[in-house]
PDB file of N, CA and C in Angstrom:
ATOM      1  N   MET A   1      -2.023  15.564   4.236  1.00  0.00           N
ATOM      2  CA  MET A   1      -2.751  14.551   3.311  1.00  0.00           C
ATOM      3  C   MET A   1      -2.408  13.493   3.644  1.00  0.00           C
ATOM      4  N   ASP A   2      -3.917  12.490   3.643  1.00  0.00           N
ATOM      5  CA  ASP A   2      -4.175  10.938   4.008  1.00  0.00           C
ATOM      6  C   ASP A   2      -2.668  10.580   3.296  1.00  0.00           C
ATOM      7  N   ALA A   3      -2.213   9.373   3.228  1.00  0.00           N
ATOM      8  CA  ALA A   3      -0.814   8.604   2.461  1.00  0.00           C
ATOM      9  C   ALA A   3      -2.129   7.836   2.059  1.00  0.00           C
ATOM     10  N   PHE A   4      -3.160   6.965   2.917  1.00  0.00           N
ATOM     11  CA  PHE A   4      -4.473   6.059   2.410  1.00  0.00           C
ATOM     12  C   PHE A   4      -5.241   7.262   1.287  1.00  0.00           C
ATOM     13  N   TYR A   5      -5.494   8.256   1.302  1.00  0.00           N
ATOM     14  CA  TYR A   5      -5.389   9.004   0.014  1.00  0.00           C
ATOM     15  C   TYR A   5      -4.856   8.737  -1.260  1.00  0.00           C
ATOM     16  N   ALA A   6      -3.384   8.475  -0.447  1.00  0.00           N
ATOM     17  CA  ALA A   6      -3.113   9.047  -1.908  1.00  0.00           C
ATOM     18  C   ALA A   6      -2.330   7.848  -2.754  1.00  0.00           C
ATOM     19  N   LEU A   7      -2.696   7.143  -1.708  1.00  0.00           N
ATOM     20  CA  LEU A   7      -2.412   5.280  -2.407  1.00  0.00           C
ATOM     21  C   LEU A   7      -4.113   5.197  -3.159  1.00  0.00           C
ATOM     22  N   ALA A   8      -4.509   5.365  -3.210  1.00  0.00           N
ATOM     23  CA  ALA A   8      -6.085   5.106  -3.325  1.00  0.00           C
ATOM     24  C   ALA A   8      -6.143   4.716  -4.267  1.00  0.00           C
ATOM     25  N   GLU A   9      -5.081   5.195  -6.107  1.00  0.00           N
ATOM     26  CA  GLU A   9      -5.114   6.146  -6.912  1.00  0.00           C
ATOM     27  C   GLU A   9      -3.828   4.415  -7.541  1.00  0.00           C
ATOM     28  N   PRO A  10      -4.594   4.339  -8.815  1.00  0.00           N
ATOM     29  CA  PRO A  10      -3.611   3.455  -9.267  1.00  0.00           C
ATOM     30  C   PRO A  10      -2.585   3.499  -9.318  1.00  0.00           C
ATOM     31  N   ARG A  11      -1.567   4.220 -10.279  1.00  0.00           N
ATOM     32  CA  ARG A  11      -0.849   5.599 -10.701  1.00  0.00           C
ATOM     33  C   ARG A  11      -0.192   5.604 -10.124  1.00  0.00           C
ATOM     34  N   ARG A  12      -0.453   6.255  -8.863  1.00  0.00           N
ATOM     35  CA  ARG A  12       0.481   6.572  -7.260  1.00  0.00           C
ATOM     36  C   ARG A  12       0.642   6.037  -6.995  1.00  0.00           C
ATOM     37  N   ARG A  13       0.562   3.808  -6.895  1.00  0.00           N
ATOM     38  CA  ARG A  13       0.801   3.018  -6.374  1.00  0.00           C
ATOM     39  C   ARG A  13       1.999   2.833  -7.439  1.00  0.00           C
ATOM     40  N   ARG A  14       2.082   2.885  -8.638  1.00  0.00           N
ATOM     41  CA  ARG A  14       2.560   2.808  -9.621  1.00  0.00           C
ATOM     42  C   ARG A  14       4.621   3.370  -9.079  1.00  0.00           C
ATOM     43  N   VAL A  15       3.780   4.357  -9.653  1.00  0.00           N
ATOM     44  CA  VAL A  15       5.006   5.551  -9.030  1.00  0.00           C
ATOM     45  C   VAL A  15       5.886   5.106  -8.037  1.00  0.00           C
ATOM     46  N   LEU A  16       4.977   4.104  -6.733  1.00  0.00           N
ATOM     47  CA  LEU A  16       5.727   3.852  -5.847  1.00  0.00           C
ATOM     48  C   LEU A  16       6.420   2.262  -6.630  1.00  0.00           C
ATOM     49  N   GLU A  17       6.346   1.529  -6.621  1.00  0.00           N
ATOM     50  CA  GLU A  17       6.461   0.819  -6.731  1.00  0.00           C
ATOM     51  C   GLU A  17       7.872   1.090  -7.965  1.00  0.00           C
ATOM     52  N   LEU A  18       6.930   1.792  -9.134  1.00  0.00           N
ATOM     53  CA  LEU A  18       9.387   3.040  -9.635  1.00  0.00           C
ATOM     54  C   LEU A  18      10.103   3.104  -8.675  1.00  0.00           C
ATOM     55  N   LEU A  19       9.756   3.897  -7.473  1.00  0.00           N
ATOM     56  CA  LEU A  19      10.793   3.979  -6.818  1.00  0.00           C
ATOM     57  C   LEU A  19      11.738   3.464  -6.727  1.00  0.00           C
ATOM     58  N   ALA A  20      10.752   2.832  -5.643  1.00  0.00           N
ATOM     59  CA  ALA A  20      10.911   0.939  -4.925  1.00  0.00           C
ATOM     60  C   ALA A  20      12.466   0.035  -5.377  1.00  0.00           C
ATOM     61  N   SER A  21      11.887  -0.240  -6.676  1.00  0.00           N
ATOM     62  CA  SER A  21      12.126  -1.097  -7.099  1.00  0.00           C
ATOM     63  C   SER A  21      13.034  -0.811  -8.263  1.00  0.00           C
ATOM     64  N   ARG A  22      13.672   1.054  -8.426  1.00  0.00           N
ATOM     65  CA  ARG A  22      14.330   1.375  -9.120  1.00  0.00           C
ATOM     66  C   ARG A  22      15.480   2.677  -8.027  1.00  0.00           C
ATOM     67  N   GLY A  23      15.265   3.041  -7.253  1.00  0.00           N
ATOM     68  CA  GLY A  23      15.682   3.939  -6.616  1.00  0.00           C
ATOM     69  C   GLY A  23      15.287   5.935  -6.780  1.00  0.00           C
ATOM     70  N   LYS A  24      15.874   6.203  -6.992  1.00  0.00           N
ATOM     71  CA  LYS A  24      15.628   7.142  -7.496  1.00  0.00           C
ATOM     72  C   LYS A  24      15.672   7.909  -9.663  1.00  0.00           C
ATOM     73  N   MET A  25      14.421   8.318  -8.855  1.00  0.00           N
ATOM     74  CA  MET A  25      13.662   8.583 -10.567  1.00  0.00           C
ATOM     75  C   MET A  25      14.111  10.644 -10.535  1.00  0.00           C
ATOM     76  N   SER A  26      14.569  11.004 -11.549  1.00  0.00           N
ATOM     77  CA  SER A  26      13.752  12.068 -12.461  1.00  0.00           C
ATOM     78  C   SER A  26      11.926  11.834 -13.057  1.00  0.00           C
ATOM     79  N   ALA A  27      11.937  13.627 -12.925  1.00  0.00           N
ATOM     80  CA  ALA A  27      10.296  13.476 -12.953  1.00  0.00           C
ATOM     81  C   ALA A  27       9.898  12.801 -14.560  1.00  0.00           C
ATOM     82  N   SER A  28      11.027  13.479 -15.274  1.00  0.00           N
ATOM     83  CA  SER A  28      11.166  12.892 -16.634  1.00  0.00           C
ATOM     84  C   SER A  28      10.950  10.988 -16.776  1.00  0.00           C
ATOM     85  N   GLN A  29      11.459  10.654 -16.297  1.00  0.00           N
ATOM     86  CA  GLN A  29      12.101   9.428 -16.226  1.00  0.00           C
ATOM     87  C   GLN A  29      10.371   8.328 -15.706  1.00  0.00           C
ATOM     88  N   ILE A  30      10.219   9.393 -14.420  1.00  0.00           N
ATOM     89  CA  ILE A  30       8.530   8.804 -14.030  1.00  0.00           C
ATOM     90  C   ILE A  30       7.143   8.519 -14.830  1.00  0.00           C
ATOM     91  N   SER A  31       7.353   9.538 -15.816  1.00  0.00           N
ATOM     92  CA  SER A  31       6.739  10.124 -17.102  1.00  0.00           C
ATOM     93  C   SER A  31       6.483   9.470 -17.565  1.00  0.00           C
ATOM     94  N   GLY A  32       8.056   8.668 -17.954  1.00  0.00           N
ATOM     95  CA  GLY A  32       8.110   8.013 -19.549  1.00  0.00           C
ATOM     96  C   GLY A  32       7.569   7.231 -19.532  1.00  0.00           C
ATOM     97  N   GLU A  33       7.070   6.394 -17.893  1.00  0.00           N
ATOM     98  CA  GLU A  33       6.529   4.731 -17.552  1.00  0.00           C
ATOM     99  C   GLU A  33       4.885   4.777 -17.728  1.00  0.00           C
ATOM    100  N   PHE A  34       4.501   6.438 -18.724  1.00  0.00           N
ATOM    101  CA  PHE A  34       3.598   6.205 -18.401  1.00  0.00           C
ATOM    102  C   PHE A  34       2.700   6.339 -19.533  1.00  0.00           C
ATOM    103  N   GLU A  35       1.571   6.116 -19.784  1.00  0.00           N
ATOM    104  CA  GLU A  35       0.759   7.140 -21.100  1.00  0.00           C
ATOM    105  C   GLU A  35      -0.081   7.691 -21.410  1.00  0.00           C
ATOM    106  N   VAL A  36       0.236   8.706 -19.420  1.00  0.00           N
ATOM    107  CA  VAL A  36      -1.216   9.758 -19.644  1.00  0.00           C
ATOM    108  C   VAL A  36       0.357  11.276 -19.914  1.00  0.00           C
ATOM    109  N   SER A  37       0.258  12.582 -20.082  1.00  0.00           N
ATOM    110  CA  SER A  37       0.897  13.284 -19.938  1.00  0.00           C
ATOM    111  C   SER A  37       1.076  13.631 -18.955  1.00  0.00           C
ATOM    112  N   PRO A  38       2.955  14.455 -19.181  1.00  0.00           N
ATOM    113  CA  PRO A  38       4.053  15.212 -17.906  1.00  0.00           C
ATOM    114  C   PRO A  38       3.228  15.552 -17.144  1.00  0.00           C
ATOM    115  N   GLN A  39       1.995  16.629 -17.312  1.00  0.00           N
ATOM    116  CA  GLN A  39       1.565  17.102 -16.874  1.00  0.00           C
ATOM    117  C   GLN A  39       0.151  16.181 -15.590  1.00  0.00           C
ATOM    118  N   ALA A  40      -0.386  15.310 -15.936  1.00  0.00           N
ATOM    119  CA  ALA A  40      -0.990  13.872 -14.872  1.00  0.00           C
ATOM    120  C   ALA A  40      -0.136  13.434 -14.079  1.00  0.00           C
ATOM    121  N   VAL A  41       1.137  13.238 -14.643  1.00  0.00           N
ATOM    122  CA  VAL A  41       2.264  12.948 -13.710  1.00  0.00           C
ATOM    123  C   VAL A  41       2.628  13.401 -13.238  1.00  0.00           C
ATOM    124  N   SER A  42       2.846  15.119 -13.089  1.00  0.00           N
ATOM    125  CA  SER A  42       2.809  15.742 -12.401  1.00  0.00           C
ATOM    126  C   SER A  42       2.290  16.444 -10.898  1.00  0.00           C
ATOM    127  N   GLN A  43       0.855  15.706 -11.033  1.00  0.00           N
ATOM    128  CA  GLN A  43      -0.183  15.865 -10.837  1.00  0.00           C
ATOM    129  C   GLN A  43       0.256  14.991  -9.113  1.00  0.00           C
ATOM    130  N   HIS A  44       0.134  13.445  -9.455  1.00  0.00           N
ATOM    131  CA  HIS A  44       0.058  12.418  -9.058  1.00  0.00           C
ATOM    132  C   HIS A  44       1.325  12.341  -8.345  1.00  0.00           C
ATOM    133  N   LEU A  45       2.633  12.445  -8.397  1.00  0.00           N
ATOM    134  CA  LEU A  45       4.110  13.217  -7.563  1.00  0.00           C
ATOM    135  C   LEU A  45       3.310  14.348  -6.937  1.00  0.00           C
ATOM    136  N   ASN A  46       2.852  14.985  -6.774  1.00  0.00           N
ATOM    137  CA  ASN A  46       2.566  16.340  -5.752  1.00  0.00           C
ATOM    138  C   ASN A  46       1.893  15.918  -4.294  1.00  0.00           C
ATOM    139  N   VAL A  47       0.860  14.922  -4.935  1.00  0.00           N
ATOM    140  CA  VAL A  47      -0.214  14.618  -4.017  1.00  0.00           C
ATOM    141  C   VAL A  47       0.581  13.645  -2.970  1.00  0.00           C
ATOM    142  N   LEU A  48       1.610  13.165  -3.883  1.00  0.00           N
ATOM    143  CA  LEU A  48       2.297  11.515  -3.317  1.00  0.00           C
ATOM    144  C   LEU A  48       3.460  12.684  -1.961  1.00  0.00           C
ATOM    145  N   ARG A  49       3.545  14.296  -3.150  1.00  0.00           N
ATOM    146  CA  ARG A  49       4.835  14.535  -1.498  1.00  0.00           C
ATOM    147  C   ARG A  49       3.911  15.137  -0.246  1.00  0.00           C
ATOM    148  N   GLU A  50       2.765  15.534  -0.920  1.00  0.00           N
ATOM    149  CA  GLU A  50       1.737  15.803   0.322  1.00  0.00           C
ATOM    150  C   GLU A  50       1.617  15.666   1.086  1.00  0.00           C
ATOM    151  N   ALA A  51       0.852  13.663   0.589  1.00  0.00           N
ATOM    152  CA  ALA A  51       1.065  12.757   1.705  1.00  0.00           C
ATOM    153  C   ALA A  51       2.806  12.419   2.522  1.00  0.00           C
ATOM    154  N   ASP A  52       3.219  12.980   2.623  1.00  0.00           N
ATOM    155  CA  ASP A  52       5.459  12.557   2.976  1.00  0.00           C
ATOM    156  C   ASP A  52       5.498  11.028   2.366  1.00  0.00           C
ATOM    157  N   LEU A  53       4.883  10.169   1.134  1.00  0.00           N
ATOM    158  CA  LEU A  53       5.754   9.169   0.080  1.00  0.00           C
ATOM    159  C   LEU A  53       6.162   9.676   0.277  1.00  0.00           C
ATOM    160  N   ILE A  54       6.956  10.565  -0.923  1.00  0.00           N
ATOM    161  CA  ILE A  54       8.068  10.272  -1.635  1.00  0.00           C
ATOM    162  C   ILE A  54       8.906  12.063  -0.849  1.00  0.00           C
ATOM    163  N   SER A  55      10.020  11.581  -1.231  1.00  0.00           N
ATOM    164  CA  SER A  55      10.278  13.456  -1.631  1.00  0.00           C
ATOM    165  C   SER A  55      11.380  14.041  -2.438  1.00  0.00           C
ATOM    166  N   MET A  56      11.160  14.886  -3.211  1.00  0.00           N
ATOM    167  CA  MET A  56      12.196  15.975  -3.776  1.00  0.00           C
ATOM    168  C   MET A  56      12.971  16.464  -3.470  1.00  0.00           C
ATOM    169  N   GLU A  57      13.827  16.010  -4.720  1.00  0.00           N
ATOM    170  CA  GLU A  57      15.775  16.710  -4.717  1.00  0.00           C
ATOM    171  C   GLU A  57      15.411  17.314  -5.970  1.00  0.00           C
ATOM    172  N   ARG A  58      16.103  18.572  -5.630  1.00  0.00           N
ATOM    173  CA  ARG A  58      16.114  19.845  -7.719  1.00  0.00           C
ATOM    174  C   ARG A  58      18.004  19.476  -8.074  1.00  0.00           C
ATOM    175  N   GLN A  59      18.240  19.339  -8.728  1.00  0.00           N
ATOM    176  CA  GLN A  59      19.406  18.766  -9.301  1.00  0.00           C
ATOM    177  C   GLN A  59      19.183  20.126 -10.328  1.00  0.00           C
ATOM    178  N   GLY A  60      19.542  21.528 -10.573  1.00  0.00           N
ATOM    179  CA  GLY A  60      20.243  21.772 -11.547  1.00  0.00           C
ATOM    180  C   GLY A  60      18.006  22.024 -12.516  1.00  0.00           C
ATOM    181  N   GLN A  61      18.017  22.177 -13.650  1.00  0.00           N
ATOM    182  CA  GLN A  61      16.568  21.683 -13.613  1.00  0.00           C
ATOM    183  C   GLN A  61      15.509  20.888 -13.619  1.00  0.00           C
ATOM    184  N   ARG A  62      16.419  19.247 -13.080  1.00  0.00           N
ATOM    185  CA  ARG A  62      16.029  18.135 -12.690  1.00  0.00           C
ATOM    186  C   ARG A  62      14.485  18.098 -11.574  1.00  0.00           C
ATOM    187  N   ARG A  63      14.141  17.531 -11.272  1.00  0.00           N
ATOM    188  CA  ARG A  63      13.571  17.862 -10.189  1.00  0.00           C
ATOM    189  C   ARG A  63      13.895  15.422 -10.406  1.00  0.00           C
ATOM    190  N   ILE A  64      14.453  14.666  -8.992  1.00  0.00           N
ATOM    191  CA  ILE A  64      14.367  14.136  -8.628  1.00  0.00           C
ATOM    192  C   ILE A  64      13.828  13.878  -7.160  1.00  0.00           C
ATOM    193  N   TYR A  65      12.682  12.823  -7.837  1.00  0.00           N
ATOM    194  CA  TYR A  65      11.547  11.665  -6.453  1.00  0.00           C
ATOM    195  C   TYR A  65      12.891  10.839  -6.595  1.00  0.00           C
ATOM    196  N   ALA A  66      12.657  10.217  -5.148  1.00  0.00           N
ATOM    197  CA  ALA A  66      12.323   9.476  -3.955  1.00  0.00           C
ATOM    198  C   ALA A  66      11.925   8.910  -3.178  1.00  0.00           C
ATOM    199  N   ILE A  67      11.130   7.269  -2.793  1.00  0.00           N
ATOM    200  CA  ILE A  67      10.782   7.373  -1.799  1.00  0.00           C
ATOM    201  C   ILE A  67      11.031   7.741  -0.276  1.00  0.00           C
ATOM    202  N   ASN A  68       9.673   6.985   0.434  1.00  0.00           N
ATOM    203  CA  ASN A  68      10.239   8.176   2.064  1.00  0.00           C
ATOM    204  C   ASN A  68      10.006   7.106   2.964  1.00  0.00           C
ATOM    205  N   PRO A  69      10.828   5.611   3.674  1.00  0.00           N
ATOM    206  CA  PRO A  69      10.771   4.867   3.630  1.00  0.00           C
ATOM    207  C   PRO A  69      10.026   5.325   4.890  1.00  0.00           C
ATOM    208  N   GLU A  70      10.013   5.914   6.018  1.00  0.00           N
ATOM    209  CA  GLU A  70       9.864   6.891   7.495  1.00  0.00           C
ATOM    210  C   GLU A  70       8.253   6.419   7.167  1.00  0.00           C
ATOM    211  N   SER A  71       7.421   7.442   6.162  1.00  0.00           N
ATOM    212  CA  SER A  71       6.155   6.960   5.922  1.00  0.00           C
ATOM    213  C   SER A  71       5.503   6.148   5.224  1.00  0.00           C
ATOM    214  N   MET A  72       6.878   5.542   4.405  1.00  0.00           N
ATOM    215  CA  MET A  72       5.873   3.899   3.654  1.00  0.00           C
ATOM    216  C   MET A  72       6.275   2.529   5.273  1.00  0.00           C
ATOM    217  N   MET A  73       6.625   3.015   5.805  1.00  0.00           N
ATOM    218  CA  MET A  73       7.000   1.751   7.034  1.00  0.00           C
ATOM    219  C   MET A  73       5.789   2.862   7.755  1.00  0.00           C
ATOM    220  N   GLY A  74       5.340   3.871   7.655  1.00  0.00           N
ATOM    221  CA  GLY A  74       3.514   3.734   8.595  1.00  0.00           C
ATOM    222  C   GLY A  74       2.460   3.164   7.803  1.00  0.00           C
ATOM    223  N   VAL A  75       2.435   3.018   6.863  1.00  0.00           N
ATOM    224  CA  VAL A  75       1.510   2.675   6.625  1.00  0.00           C
ATOM    225  C   VAL A  75       1.801   0.731   6.523  1.00  0.00           C
ATOM    226  N   LYS A  76       2.676   0.793   6.081  1.00  0.00           N
ATOM    227  CA  LYS A  76       3.172  -1.176   6.760  1.00  0.00           C
ATOM    228  C   LYS A  76       3.088  -1.280   7.537  1.00  0.00           C
ATOM    229  N   GLU A  77       3.336  -0.823   8.459  1.00  0.00           N
ATOM    230  CA  GLU A  77       2.933  -1.052   9.995  1.00  0.00           C
ATOM    231  C   GLU A  77       1.708  -1.020  10.232  1.00  0.00           C
ATOM    232  N   TRP A  78       0.388  -0.424   9.541  1.00  0.00           N
ATOM    233  CA  TRP A  78      -0.735   0.020  10.497  1.00  0.00           C
ATOM    234  C   TRP A  78      -2.114  -1.518   9.387  1.00  0.00           C
ATOM    235  N   ALA A  79      -1.380  -2.094   7.562  1.00  0.00           N
ATOM    236  CA  ALA A  79      -1.742  -3.319   7.057  1.00  0.00           C
ATOM    237  C   ALA A  79      -1.573  -4.469   8.294  1.00  0.00           C
ATOM    238  N   GLU A  80      -0.577  -4.298   8.530  1.00  0.00           N
ATOM    239  CA  GLU A  80       0.021  -5.530  10.548  1.00  0.00           C
ATOM    240  C   GLU A  80      -0.662  -5.315  10.154  1.00  0.00           C
ATOM    241  N   LYS A  81      -1.000  -4.202  11.013  1.00  0.00           N
ATOM    242  CA  LYS A  81      -2.280  -4.269  12.396  1.00  0.00           C
ATOM    243  C   LYS A  81      -3.253  -5.020  11.720  1.00  0.00           C
ATOM    244  N   VAL A  82      -3.803  -4.519  10.637  1.00  0.00           N
ATOM    245  CA  VAL A  82      -5.091  -4.745  10.212  1.00  0.00           C
ATOM    246  C   VAL A  82      -5.411  -6.567  10.308  1.00  0.00           C
ATOM    247  N   THR A  83      -3.721  -6.617   9.237  1.00  0.00           N
ATOM    248  CA  THR A  83      -3.731  -8.212   9.247  1.00  0.00           C
ATOM    249  C   THR A  83      -4.633  -9.424  10.213  1.00  0.00           C
ATOM    250  N   SER A  84      -3.616  -8.546  11.287  1.00  0.00           N
ATOM    251  CA  SER A  84      -3.612  -9.011  12.655  1.00  0.00           C
ATOM    252  C   SER A  84      -4.159  -9.334  13.440  1.00  0.00           C
ATOM    253  N   MET A  85      -5.075  -8.623  13.324  1.00  0.00           N
ATOM    254  CA  MET A  85      -6.601  -9.118  13.749  1.00  0.00           C
ATOM    255  C   MET A  85      -7.282  -9.680  12.466  1.00  0.00           C
ATOM    256  N   TRP A  86      -8.211  -9.703  11.715  1.00  0.00           N
ATOM    257  CA  TRP A  86      -8.488 -10.303  10.827  1.00  0.00           C
ATOM    258  C   TRP A  86      -7.707 -12.312  10.933  1.00  0.00           C
ATOM    259  N   SER A  87      -6.951 -12.015  11.580  1.00  0.00           N
ATOM    260  CA  SER A  87      -6.006 -13.409  11.693  1.00  0.00           C
ATOM    261  C   SER A  87      -6.773 -13.436  12.746  1.00  0.00           C
ATOM    262  N   ARG A  88      -6.679 -13.157  14.037  1.00  0.00           N
ATOM    263  CA  ARG A  88      -7.375 -13.849  14.979  1.00  0.00           C
ATOM    264  C   ARG A  88      -8.989 -14.567  14.822  1.00  0.00           C
ATOM    265  N   ARG A  89      -9.354 -13.310  13.977  1.00  0.00           N
ATOM    266  CA  ARG A  89     -11.269 -13.669  14.049  1.00  0.00           C
ATOM    267  C   ARG A  89     -10.867 -14.935  13.447  1.00  0.00           C
ATOM    268  N   PHE A  90     -10.375 -15.069  11.923  1.00  0.00           N
ATOM    269  CA  PHE A  90     -10.645 -15.820  11.126  1.00  0.00           C
ATOM    270  C   PHE A  90      -9.886 -17.233  11.676  1.00  0.00           C
ATOM    271  N   ASP A  91      -8.697 -16.966  13.083  1.00  0.00           N
ATOM    272  CA  ASP A  91      -8.628 -18.145  13.839  1.00  0.00           C
ATOM    273  C   ASP A  91      -9.414 -18.313  14.763  1.00  0.00           C
ATOM    274  N   ALA A  92     -10.788 -17.662  14.999  1.00  0.00           N
ATOM    275  CA  ALA A  92     -11.593 -17.619  16.411  1.00  0.00           C
ATOM    276  C   ALA A  92     -12.241 -18.758  15.481  1.00  0.00           C
ATOM    277  N   LEU A  93     -12.998 -17.973  13.703  1.00  0.00           N
ATOM    278  CA  LEU A  93     -14.151 -18.386  13.577  1.00  0.00           C
ATOM    279  C   LEU A  93     -13.668 -20.073  12.563  1.00  0.00           C
ATOM    280  N   GLY A  94     -12.304 -20.446  12.976  1.00  0.00           N
ATOM    281  CA  GLY A  94     -11.856 -21.658  12.860  1.00  0.00           C
ATOM    282  C   GLY A  94     -12.577 -22.534  13.792  1.00  0.00           C
ATOM    283  N   GLU A  95     -11.839 -22.899  13.999  1.00  0.00           N
ATOM    284  CA  GLU A  95     -12.215 -22.969  15.666  1.00  0.00           C
ATOM    285  C   GLU A  95     -13.443 -23.206  16.636  1.00  0.00           C
ATOM    286  N   ALA A  96     -14.672 -22.159  15.912  1.00  0.00           N
ATOM    287  CA  ALA A  96     -15.980 -22.033  16.595  1.00  0.00           C
ATOM    288  C   ALA A  96     -16.924 -23.017  15.268  1.00  0.00           C
ATOM    289  N   LEU A  97     -16.053 -23.056  13.299  1.00  0.00           N
ATOM    290  CA  LEU A  97     -16.410 -23.715  12.616  1.00  0.00           C
ATOM    291  C   LEU A  97     -16.922 -25.245  13.278  1.00  0.00           C
ATOM    292  N   GLU A  98     -14.813 -25.728  13.651  1.00  0.00           N
ATOM    293  CA  GLU A  98     -14.758 -26.529  14.435  1.00  0.00           C
ATOM    294  C   GLU A  98     -14.936 -27.114  15.522  1.00  0.00           C
ATOM    295  N   SER A  99     -15.659 -26.039  15.895  1.00  0.00           N
ATOM    296  CA  SER A  99     -16.603 -27.028  17.734  1.00  0.00           C
ATOM    297  C   SER A  99     -18.029 -27.362  17.032  1.00  0.00           C
ATOM    298  N   GLU A 100     -18.217 -26.534  16.508  1.00  0.00           N
ATOM    299  CA  GLU A 100     -19.457 -26.846  15.665  1.00  0.00           C
ATOM    300  C   GLU A 100     -19.124 -27.551  15.120  1.00  0.00           C
ATOM    301  N   LYS A 101     -18.859 -28.142  14.452  1.00  0.00           N
ATOM    302  CA  LYS A 101     -18.295 -29.530  13.565  1.00  0.00           C
ATOM    303  C   LYS A 101     -18.538 -30.968  14.579  1.00  0.00           C
ATOM    304  N   LYS A 102     -17.519 -31.405  15.532  1.00  0.00           N
ATOM    305  CA  LYS A 102     -18.071 -32.040  16.836  1.00  0.00           C
ATOM    306  C   LYS A 102     -18.629 -32.046  17.135  1.00  0.00           C
ATOM    307  N   ALA A 103     -19.298 -31.317  17.295  1.00  0.00           N
ATOM    308  CA  ALA A 103     -21.306 -31.129  18.209  1.00  0.00           C
ATOM    309  C   ALA A 103     -21.730 -31.384  17.827  1.00  0.00           C
ATOM    310  N   ARG A 104     -21.819 -31.849  15.600  1.00  0.00           N
ATOM    311  CA  ARG A 104     -22.875 -32.262  14.855  1.00  0.00           C
ATOM    312  C   ARG A 104     -22.822 -33.768  14.795  1.00  0.00           C
ATOM    313  N   THR A 105     -21.340 -33.738  14.941  1.00  0.00           N
ATOM    314  CA  THR A 105     -21.108 -35.287  15.334  1.00  0.00           C
ATOM    315  C   THR A 105     -21.066 -36.177  16.894  1.00  0.00           C
ATOM    316  N   LYS A 106     -20.744 -36.028  17.102  1.00  0.00           N
ATOM    317  CA  LYS A 106     -21.526 -37.088  18.483  1.00  0.00           C
ATOM    318  C   LYS A 106     -23.017 -36.436  18.748  1.00  0.00           C
ATOM    319  N   LYS A 107     -23.736 -35.917  18.002  1.00  0.00           N
ATOM    320  CA  LYS A 107     -25.140 -35.522  18.021  1.00  0.00           C
ATOM    321  C   LYS A 107     -25.836 -36.300  17.568  1.00  0.00           C
ATOM    322  N   ARG A 108     -24.773 -37.067  15.885  1.00  0.00           N
ATOM    323  CA  ARG A 108     -25.481 -37.698  14.860  1.00  0.00           C
ATOM    324  C   ARG A 108     -25.284 -40.073  15.347  1.00  0.00           C
ATOM    325  N   GLY A 109     -23.476 -39.241  16.403  1.00  0.00           N
ATOM    326  CA  GLY A 109     -23.561 -40.052  17.216  1.00  0.00           C
ATOM    327  C   GLY A 109     -24.211 -40.901  18.112  1.00  0.00           C
ATOM    328  N   ALA A 110     -25.144 -39.907  18.242  1.00  0.00           N
ATOM    329  CA  ALA A 110     -26.002 -40.479  20.132  1.00  0.00           C
ATOM    330  C   ALA A 110     -27.602 -40.493  18.705  1.00  0.00           C
ATOM    331  N   ASP A 111     -27.347 -39.762  17.960  1.00  0.00           N
ATOM    332  CA  ASP A 111     -28.937 -40.505  17.703  1.00  0.00           C
ATOM    333  C   ASP A 111     -29.451 -41.810  17.047  1.00  0.00           C
TER     334      ASP A 111
END
């Protein structure tokens, strides 16, 4: 499963935010944070596990979930790469606009 597919759903992003801020949590603790059925939350947890964004360990009958930092680093690196590309494009656009502005100012001065 693709990490970005998993991240596309707001509840799944919220699960990641909870785990990032609170650390390990049981399925029931996570479910308690949502106004949907525990089964619905369980499905979201499964998607996140399949995308390798979270891990699960069993402690008796409880399932304890934690964020997978390695997979999250992959998402972070992709976001940084895209941000860098867009920054370069915006910088180039800014330079082109400034050059155009200077050219127009010169043209007005010559008229």
